[in-house]
């Protein structure tokens, strides 16, 4: 549907009638190559653009700088695949307007938690995609706010932690780490806490089952229409 596609984000798609979650094409910068994304049009009123989804190890998140810059993985129609949208696209989208960011987590007992940040921005490549985040709300304690404010998407930890991230000696949170079946792993067997972790909820030695990150403009209202 050309009316819905080529909007700048999933919030604009929602406002123009795209109320079903699924794949859409967005163009955050007019004239540039469109990007296929997954839109969550249900959670907390909808309007969310997925920037990350990690549900299994079918996609290796241990990528180089260029791959994280441009994104990798595959978006599918039900949002069930593994992907990273790309640091450059995340930078562009979070620089256009004030953005919220929501993290959804699931453990191996299928308990679910979320964290909401009312300010989320990623700097340009010249800043090494520096993360600025704040305004934590939600239940699994604010791992980003406590440990990852103004941290570069770079450093010495990526090889040990098995995925790109905003590392801080090395990390209390890493949603791009390895998924270990049934969660618990240990330093004896693995050497590093390189699981997909949210330390403030489950600790550094418990790998989560599923995680996603999504953004939407702070100005979004589910009742607004164009």
C-alpha atoms as a PDB file:
ATOM      1  CA  UNK A   1       0.000   0.000   0.000  1.00  0.00           C
ATOM      2  CA  UNK A   2       1.774   3.140  -1.215  1.00  0.00           C
ATOM      3  CA  UNK A   3      -0.180   5.327   1.207  1.00  0.00           C
ATOM      4  CA  UNK A   4       1.328   3.453   4.137  1.00  0.00           C
ATOM      5  CA  UNK A   5       4.750   2.628   2.745  1.00  0.00           C
ATOM      6  CA  UNK A   6       7.604   5.122   2.523  1.00  0.00           C
ATOM      7  CA  UNK A   7       6.597   6.976   5.678  1.00  0.00           C
ATOM      8  CA  UNK A   8       9.421   8.020   7.981  1.00  0.00           C
ATOM      9  CA  UNK A   9       8.595   5.555  10.774  1.00  0.00           C
ATOM     10  CA  UNK A  10       5.969   3.147  12.097  1.00  0.00           C
ATOM     11  CA  UNK A  11       4.255   5.871  14.109  1.00  0.00           C
ATOM     12  CA  UNK A  12       3.495   7.788  10.914  1.00  0.00           C
ATOM     13  CA  UNK A  13       2.280   4.565   9.302  1.00  0.00           C
ATOM     14  CA  UNK A  14      -0.067   4.022  12.259  1.00  0.00           C
ATOM     15  CA  UNK A  15      -1.391   7.577  12.049  1.00  0.00           C
ATOM     16  CA  UNK A  16      -2.158   7.049   8.348  1.00  0.00           C
ATOM     17  CA  UNK A  17      -4.196   3.905   8.925  1.00  0.00           C
ATOM     18  CA  UNK A  18      -1.597   1.131   9.184  1.00  0.00           C
ATOM     19  CA  UNK A  19      -2.972  -0.353  12.376  1.00  0.00           C
ATOM     20  CA  UNK A  20      -1.810  -3.953  11.854  1.00  0.00           C
ATOM     21  CA  UNK A  21       1.566  -5.124  13.090  1.00  0.00           C
ATOM     22  CA  UNK A  22       3.784  -6.386  10.291  1.00  0.00           C
ATOM     23  CA  UNK A  23       6.368  -5.485   7.674  1.00  0.00           C
ATOM     24  CA  UNK A  24       6.364  -2.012   6.153  1.00  0.00           C
ATOM     25  CA  UNK A  25       8.776   0.085   4.123  1.00  0.00           C
ATOM     26  CA  UNK A  26       9.948   3.345   5.670  1.00  0.00           C
ATOM     27  CA  UNK A  27      12.026   6.192   4.271  1.00  0.00           C
ATOM     28  CA  UNK A  28      13.378   8.224   7.206  1.00  0.00           C
ATOM     29  CA  UNK A  29      15.287  10.493   4.797  1.00  0.00           C
ATOM     30  CA  UNK A  30      13.359  11.490   1.635  1.00  0.00           C
ATOM     31  CA  UNK A  31      15.150  10.410  -1.521  1.00  0.00           C
ATOM     32  CA  UNK A  32      17.266   7.774   0.170  1.00  0.00           C
ATOM     33  CA  UNK A  33      16.878   4.015  -0.188  1.00  0.00           C
ATOM     34  CA  UNK A  34      13.759   2.745   1.649  1.00  0.00           C
ATOM     35  CA  UNK A  35      14.179   0.319   4.547  1.00  0.00           C
ATOM     36  CA  UNK A  36      12.056  -2.742   5.309  1.00  0.00           C
ATOM     37  CA  UNK A  37      11.097  -2.766   8.992  1.00  0.00           C
ATOM     38  CA  UNK A  38       8.745  -4.497  11.382  1.00  0.00           C
ATOM     39  CA  UNK A  39       6.102  -2.296  13.023  1.00  0.00           C
ATOM     40  CA  UNK A  40       4.486  -3.156  16.347  1.00  0.00           C
ATOM     41  CA  UNK A  41       1.098  -1.452  16.139  1.00  0.00           C
ATOM     42  CA  UNK A  42      -0.360  -3.068  19.262  1.00  0.00           C
ATOM     43  CA  UNK A  43       1.937  -2.737  22.286  1.00  0.00           C
ATOM     44  CA  UNK A  44       1.117   0.291  24.455  1.00  0.00           C
ATOM     45  CA  UNK A  45      -0.876   1.935  21.663  1.00  0.00           C
ATOM     46  CA  UNK A  46       1.397   0.949  18.760  1.00  0.00           C
ATOM     47  CA  UNK A  47       3.615   3.089  16.565  1.00  0.00           C
ATOM     48  CA  UNK A  48       6.826   1.207  17.418  1.00  0.00           C
ATOM     49  CA  UNK A  49       9.631   0.608  14.907  1.00  0.00           C
ATOM     50  CA  UNK A  50      11.703  -2.444  15.803  1.00  0.00           C
ATOM     51  CA  UNK A  51      15.439  -1.743  15.850  1.00  0.00           C
ATOM     52  CA  UNK A  52      16.445  -5.169  17.218  1.00  0.00           C
ATOM     53  CA  UNK A  53      14.977  -8.630  17.710  1.00  0.00           C
ATOM     54  CA  UNK A  54      16.862 -11.643  19.055  1.00  0.00           C
ATOM     55  CA  UNK A  55      15.097 -14.981  19.552  1.00  0.00           C
ATOM     56  CA  UNK A  56      17.685 -17.675  18.750  1.00  0.00           C
ATOM     57  CA  UNK A  57      21.221 -18.174  17.451  1.00  0.00           C
ATOM     58  CA  UNK A  58      20.262 -18.651  13.788  1.00  0.00           C
ATOM     59  CA  UNK A  59      21.866 -15.260  13.135  1.00  0.00           C
ATOM     60  CA  UNK A  60      25.319 -14.673  14.597  1.00  0.00           C
ATOM     61  CA  UNK A  61      25.319 -11.244  16.266  1.00  0.00           C
ATOM     62  CA  UNK A  62      29.131 -11.273  16.478  1.00  0.00           C
ATOM     63  CA  UNK A  63      29.521  -8.945  13.485  1.00  0.00           C
ATOM     64  CA  UNK A  64      32.033  -6.281  12.512  1.00  0.00           C
ATOM     65  CA  UNK A  65      31.630  -2.505  12.649  1.00  0.00           C
ATOM     66  CA  UNK A  66      30.375  -2.186   9.061  1.00  0.00           C
ATOM     67  CA  UNK A  67      27.702  -4.855   9.529  1.00  0.00           C
ATOM     68  CA  UNK A  68      26.417  -3.186  12.683  1.00  0.00           C
ATOM     69  CA  UNK A  69      26.506   0.162  10.914  1.00  0.00           C
ATOM     70  CA  UNK A  70      24.285  -0.997   8.051  1.00  0.00           C
ATOM     71  CA  UNK A  71      22.279  -3.702   9.823  1.00  0.00           C
ATOM     72  CA  UNK A  72      21.921  -7.444   9.369  1.00  0.00           C
ATOM     73  CA  UNK A  73      19.442 -10.285   9.701  1.00  0.00           C
ATOM     74  CA  UNK A  74      16.012 -10.631   8.137  1.00  0.00           C
ATOM     75  CA  UNK A  75      12.701  -9.006   9.002  1.00  0.00           C
ATOM     76  CA  UNK A  76       9.698 -11.293   8.495  1.00  0.00           C
ATOM     77  CA  UNK A  77       5.954 -10.760   8.434  1.00  0.00           C
ATOM     78  CA  UNK A  78       5.344 -11.806  12.039  1.00  0.00           C
ATOM     79  CA  UNK A  79       8.455 -10.229  13.559  1.00  0.00           C
ATOM     80  CA  UNK A  80       9.869 -13.633  14.428  1.00  0.00           C
ATOM     81  CA  UNK A  81      13.367 -13.345  12.985  1.00  0.00           C
ATOM     82  CA  UNK A  82      16.688 -12.073  14.320  1.00  0.00           C
ATOM     83  CA  UNK A  83      17.931  -8.686  13.126  1.00  0.00           C
ATOM     84  CA  UNK A  84      19.706  -5.434  13.923  1.00  0.00           C
ATOM     85  CA  UNK A  85      18.285  -2.444  12.051  1.00  0.00           C
ATOM     86  CA  UNK A  86      21.665  -0.722  11.712  1.00  0.00           C
ATOM     87  CA  UNK A  87      23.425   1.957  13.735  1.00  0.00           C
ATOM     88  CA  UNK A  88      23.248   4.520  10.944  1.00  0.00           C
ATOM     89  CA  UNK A  89      19.495   4.098  10.545  1.00  0.00           C
ATOM     90  CA  UNK A  90      18.994   4.187  14.327  1.00  0.00           C
ATOM     91  CA  UNK A  91      21.054   7.390  14.453  1.00  0.00           C
ATOM     92  CA  UNK A  92      18.986   8.996  11.693  1.00  0.00           C
ATOM     93  CA  UNK A  93      15.657   8.058  13.256  1.00  0.00           C
ATOM     94  CA  UNK A  94      16.596   9.128  16.781  1.00  0.00           C
ATOM     95  CA  UNK A  95      18.043  12.429  15.538  1.00  0.00           C
ATOM     96  CA  UNK A  96      14.888  13.502  13.717  1.00  0.00           C
ATOM     97  CA  UNK A  97      12.771  13.859  16.841  1.00  0.00           C
ATOM     98  CA  UNK A  98      12.635  13.042  20.541  1.00  0.00           C
ATOM     99  CA  UNK A  99      12.233   9.250  20.789  1.00  0.00           C
ATOM    100  CA  UNK A 100      11.034   6.734  23.340  1.00  0.00           C
ATOM    101  CA  UNK A 101      12.682   3.314  23.407  1.00  0.00           C
ATOM    102  CA  UNK A 102      11.053   0.156  24.737  1.00  0.00           C
ATOM    103  CA  UNK A 103      12.800  -3.118  25.590  1.00  0.00           C
ATOM    104  CA  UNK A 104      10.778  -6.327  25.923  1.00  0.00           C
ATOM    105  CA  UNK A 105      12.365  -9.361  27.573  1.00  0.00           C
ATOM    106  CA  UNK A 106      11.397 -13.000  28.103  1.00  0.00           C
ATOM    107  CA  UNK A 107      13.107 -15.616  30.268  1.00  0.00           C
ATOM    108  CA  UNK A 108      13.074 -19.414  29.895  1.00  0.00           C
ATOM    109  CA  UNK A 109      10.017 -19.732  32.147  1.00  0.00           C
ATOM    110  CA  UNK A 110       8.242 -17.351  29.741  1.00  0.00           C
ATOM    111  CA  UNK A 111       8.115 -14.575  32.316  1.00  0.00           C
ATOM    112  CA  UNK A 112       8.025 -11.227  30.541  1.00  0.00           C
ATOM    113  CA  UNK A 113       9.376  -7.847  31.582  1.00  0.00           C
ATOM    114  CA  UNK A 114       9.775  -4.508  29.865  1.00  0.00           C
ATOM    115  CA  UNK A 115      11.757  -1.313  30.261  1.00  0.00           C
ATOM    116  CA  UNK A 116      10.733   2.041  28.788  1.00  0.00           C
ATOM    117  CA  UNK A 117      13.052   4.995  28.306  1.00  0.00           C
ATOM    118  CA  UNK A 118      11.537   8.407  27.596  1.00  0.00           C
ATOM    119  CA  UNK A 119      14.740   9.655  25.994  1.00  0.00           C
ATOM    120  CA  UNK A 120      16.829   7.602  23.561  1.00  0.00           C
ATOM    121  CA  UNK A 121      19.301   8.878  21.019  1.00  0.00           C
ATOM    122  CA  UNK A 122      22.241   7.406  19.119  1.00  0.00           C
ATOM    123  CA  UNK A 123      24.921   9.758  17.810  1.00  0.00           C
ATOM    124  CA  UNK A 124      26.540   9.727  14.372  1.00  0.00           C
ATOM    125  CA  UNK A 125      29.368   7.534  13.128  1.00  0.00           C
ATOM    126  CA  UNK A 126      31.745  10.387  13.973  1.00  0.00           C
ATOM    127  CA  UNK A 127      30.812   9.895  17.646  1.00  0.00           C
ATOM    128  CA  UNK A 128      31.072   6.089  17.379  1.00  0.00           C
ATOM    129  CA  UNK A 129      27.266   6.003  17.647  1.00  0.00           C
ATOM    130  CA  UNK A 130      27.315   7.269  21.231  1.00  0.00           C
ATOM    131  CA  UNK A 131      24.256   6.269  23.236  1.00  0.00           C
ATOM    132  CA  UNK A 132      22.269   8.871  25.183  1.00  0.00           C
ATOM    133  CA  UNK A 133      19.414   7.419  27.203  1.00  0.00           C
ATOM    134  CA  UNK A 134      17.327   8.371  30.214  1.00  0.00           C
ATOM    135  CA  UNK A 135      13.884   8.610  31.766  1.00  0.00           C
ATOM    136  CA  UNK A 136      13.622   4.963  32.767  1.00  0.00           C
ATOM    137  CA  UNK A 137      10.215   3.404  33.471  1.00  0.00           C
ATOM    138  CA  UNK A 138       9.245  -0.256  33.758  1.00  0.00           C
ATOM    139  CA  UNK A 139      10.021  -3.266  35.873  1.00  0.00           C
ATOM    140  CA  UNK A 140      13.428  -4.928  35.269  1.00  0.00           C
ATOM    141  CA  UNK A 141      15.460  -2.003  36.730  1.00  0.00           C
ATOM    142  CA  UNK A 142      17.013   0.492  34.366  1.00  0.00           C
ATOM    143  CA  UNK A 143      20.103  -1.261  33.082  1.00  0.00           C
ATOM    144  CA  UNK A 144      20.778   1.327  30.379  1.00  0.00           C
ATOM    145  CA  UNK A 145      20.441   4.354  32.645  1.00  0.00           C
ATOM    146  CA  UNK A 146      22.653   2.909  35.346  1.00  0.00           C
ATOM    147  CA  UNK A 147      25.429   1.596  33.165  1.00  0.00           C
ATOM    148  CA  UNK A 148      25.317   2.783  29.559  1.00  0.00           C
ATOM    149  CA  UNK A 149      24.831   6.584  29.453  1.00  0.00           C
ATOM    150  CA  UNK A 150      27.114   8.296  26.906  1.00  0.00           C
ATOM    151  CA  UNK A 151      28.889   5.055  26.006  1.00  0.00           C
ATOM    152  CA  UNK A 152      30.356   4.495  22.533  1.00  0.00           C
ATOM    153  CA  UNK A 153      29.304   1.605  20.291  1.00  0.00           C
ATOM    154  CA  UNK A 154      32.909   0.450  20.310  1.00  0.00           C
ATOM    155  CA  UNK A 155      35.595  -0.826  22.658  1.00  0.00           C
ATOM    156  CA  UNK A 156      37.478  -3.942  23.672  1.00  0.00           C
ATOM    157  CA  UNK A 157      34.598  -6.113  24.834  1.00  0.00           C
ATOM    158  CA  UNK A 158      32.864  -7.129  21.602  1.00  0.00           C
ATOM    159  CA  UNK A 159      34.993 -10.216  20.980  1.00  0.00           C
ATOM    160  CA  UNK A 160      34.552 -11.526  24.527  1.00  0.00           C
ATOM    161  CA  UNK A 161      30.865 -10.635  24.675  1.00  0.00           C
ATOM    162  CA  UNK A 162      30.077 -12.176  21.246  1.00  0.00           C
ATOM    163  CA  UNK A 163      28.190  -9.211  19.827  1.00  0.00           C
ATOM    164  CA  UNK A 164      28.276  -5.468  19.206  1.00  0.00           C
ATOM    165  CA  UNK A 165      26.876  -3.250  21.968  1.00  0.00           C
ATOM    166  CA  UNK A 166      27.385  -0.101  24.025  1.00  0.00           C
ATOM    167  CA  UNK A 167      29.933  -1.674  26.353  1.00  0.00           C
ATOM    168  CA  UNK A 168      30.982  -0.314  29.717  1.00  0.00           C
ATOM    169  CA  UNK A 169      33.643  -2.579  31.305  1.00  0.00           C
ATOM    170  CA  UNK A 170      32.195  -4.721  30.010  1.00  0.00           C
ATOM    171  CA  UNK A 171      28.403  -4.736  30.344  1.00  0.00           C
ATOM    172  CA  UNK A 172      25.486  -5.183  32.700  1.00  0.00           C
ATOM    173  CA  UNK A 173      23.199  -5.369  29.689  1.00  0.00           C
ATOM    174  CA  UNK A 174      23.838  -7.011  26.316  1.00  0.00           C
ATOM    175  CA  UNK A 175      20.862  -7.939  24.168  1.00  0.00           C
ATOM    176  CA  UNK A 176      23.113  -8.985  21.273  1.00  0.00           C
ATOM    177  CA  UNK A 177      24.895 -11.750  23.183  1.00  0.00           C
ATOM    178  CA  UNK A 178      24.602 -15.521  22.795  1.00  0.00           C
ATOM    179  CA  UNK A 179      21.323 -17.236  23.700  1.00  0.00           C
ATOM    180  CA  UNK A 180      22.082 -20.204  25.963  1.00  0.00           C
ATOM    181  CA  UNK A 181      19.264 -22.733  26.158  1.00  0.00           C
ATOM    182  CA  UNK A 182      17.538 -22.778  29.575  1.00  0.00           C
ATOM    183  CA  UNK A 183      19.337 -19.595  30.574  1.00  0.00           C
ATOM    184  CA  UNK A 184      22.000 -20.469  33.110  1.00  0.00           C
ATOM    185  CA  UNK A 185      25.623 -20.670  31.982  1.00  0.00           C
ATOM    186  CA  UNK A 186      28.909 -20.221  33.854  1.00  0.00           C
ATOM    187  CA  UNK A 187      32.425 -18.850  33.676  1.00  0.00           C
ATOM    188  CA  UNK A 188      33.986 -22.322  33.838  1.00  0.00           C
ATOM    189  CA  UNK A 189      32.322 -23.469  30.625  1.00  0.00           C
ATOM    190  CA  UNK A 190      32.199 -20.208  28.704  1.00  0.00           C
ATOM    191  CA  UNK A 191      34.915 -17.931  30.086  1.00  0.00           C
ATOM    192  CA  UNK A 192      32.976 -14.693  29.668  1.00  0.00           C
ATOM    193  CA  UNK A 193      29.486 -13.461  30.523  1.00  0.00           C
ATOM    194  CA  UNK A 194      28.680 -13.333  26.811  1.00  0.00           C
ATOM    195  CA  UNK A 195      25.027 -14.370  27.028  1.00  0.00           C
ATOM    196  CA  UNK A 196      22.070 -12.217  26.039  1.00  0.00           C
ATOM    197  CA  UNK A 197      21.777 -10.616  29.446  1.00  0.00           C
ATOM    198  CA  UNK A 198      19.843  -7.991  31.345  1.00  0.00           C
ATOM    199  CA  UNK A 199      21.892  -8.007  34.528  1.00  0.00           C
ATOM    200  CA  UNK A 200      19.570  -5.924  36.736  1.00  0.00           C
ATOM    201  CA  UNK A 201      16.810  -8.521  36.235  1.00  0.00           C
ATOM    202  CA  UNK A 202      18.494 -11.933  35.936  1.00  0.00           C
ATOM    203  CA  UNK A 203      22.185 -11.279  36.494  1.00  0.00           C
ATOM    204  CA  UNK A 204      25.180 -11.686  34.189  1.00  0.00           C
ATOM    205  CA  UNK A 205      25.068 -15.500  34.121  1.00  0.00           C
ATOM    206  CA  UNK A 206      21.505 -15.945  32.889  1.00  0.00           C
ATOM    207  CA  UNK A 207      20.915 -15.798  29.143  1.00  0.00           C
ATOM    208  CA  UNK A 208      17.440 -14.589  28.225  1.00  0.00           C
ATOM    209  CA  UNK A 209      15.183 -16.446  25.798  1.00  0.00           C
ATOM    210  CA  UNK A 210      14.019 -13.465  23.750  1.00  0.00           C
ATOM    211  CA  UNK A 211      14.583  -9.724  23.539  1.00  0.00           C
ATOM    212  CA  UNK A 212      13.475  -6.833  21.364  1.00  0.00           C
ATOM    213  CA  UNK A 213      14.132  -3.102  21.142  1.00  0.00           C
ATOM    214  CA  UNK A 214      11.782  -0.632  19.482  1.00  0.00           C
ATOM    215  CA  UNK A 215      11.434   3.142  19.188  1.00  0.00           C
ATOM    216  CA  UNK A 216       8.680   5.667  18.540  1.00  0.00           C
ATOM    217  CA  UNK A 217       8.426   9.476  18.668  1.00  0.00           C
ATOM    218  CA  UNK A 218       7.604  10.932  22.073  1.00  0.00           C
ATOM    219  CA  UNK A 219       4.887  13.008  20.379  1.00  0.00           C
ATOM    220  CA  UNK A 220       3.028   9.909  19.134  1.00  0.00           C
ATOM    221  CA  UNK A 221      -0.637   9.581  20.054  1.00  0.00           C
ATOM    222  CA  UNK A 222      -2.657   6.475  19.090  1.00  0.00           C
ATOM    223  CA  UNK A 223      -5.719   8.706  18.712  1.00  0.00           C
ATOM    224  CA  UNK A 224      -4.143  11.077  16.191  1.00  0.00           C
ATOM    225  CA  UNK A 225      -4.916  10.892  12.464  1.00  0.00           C
ATOM    226  CA  UNK A 226      -3.745  12.884   9.468  1.00  0.00           C
END
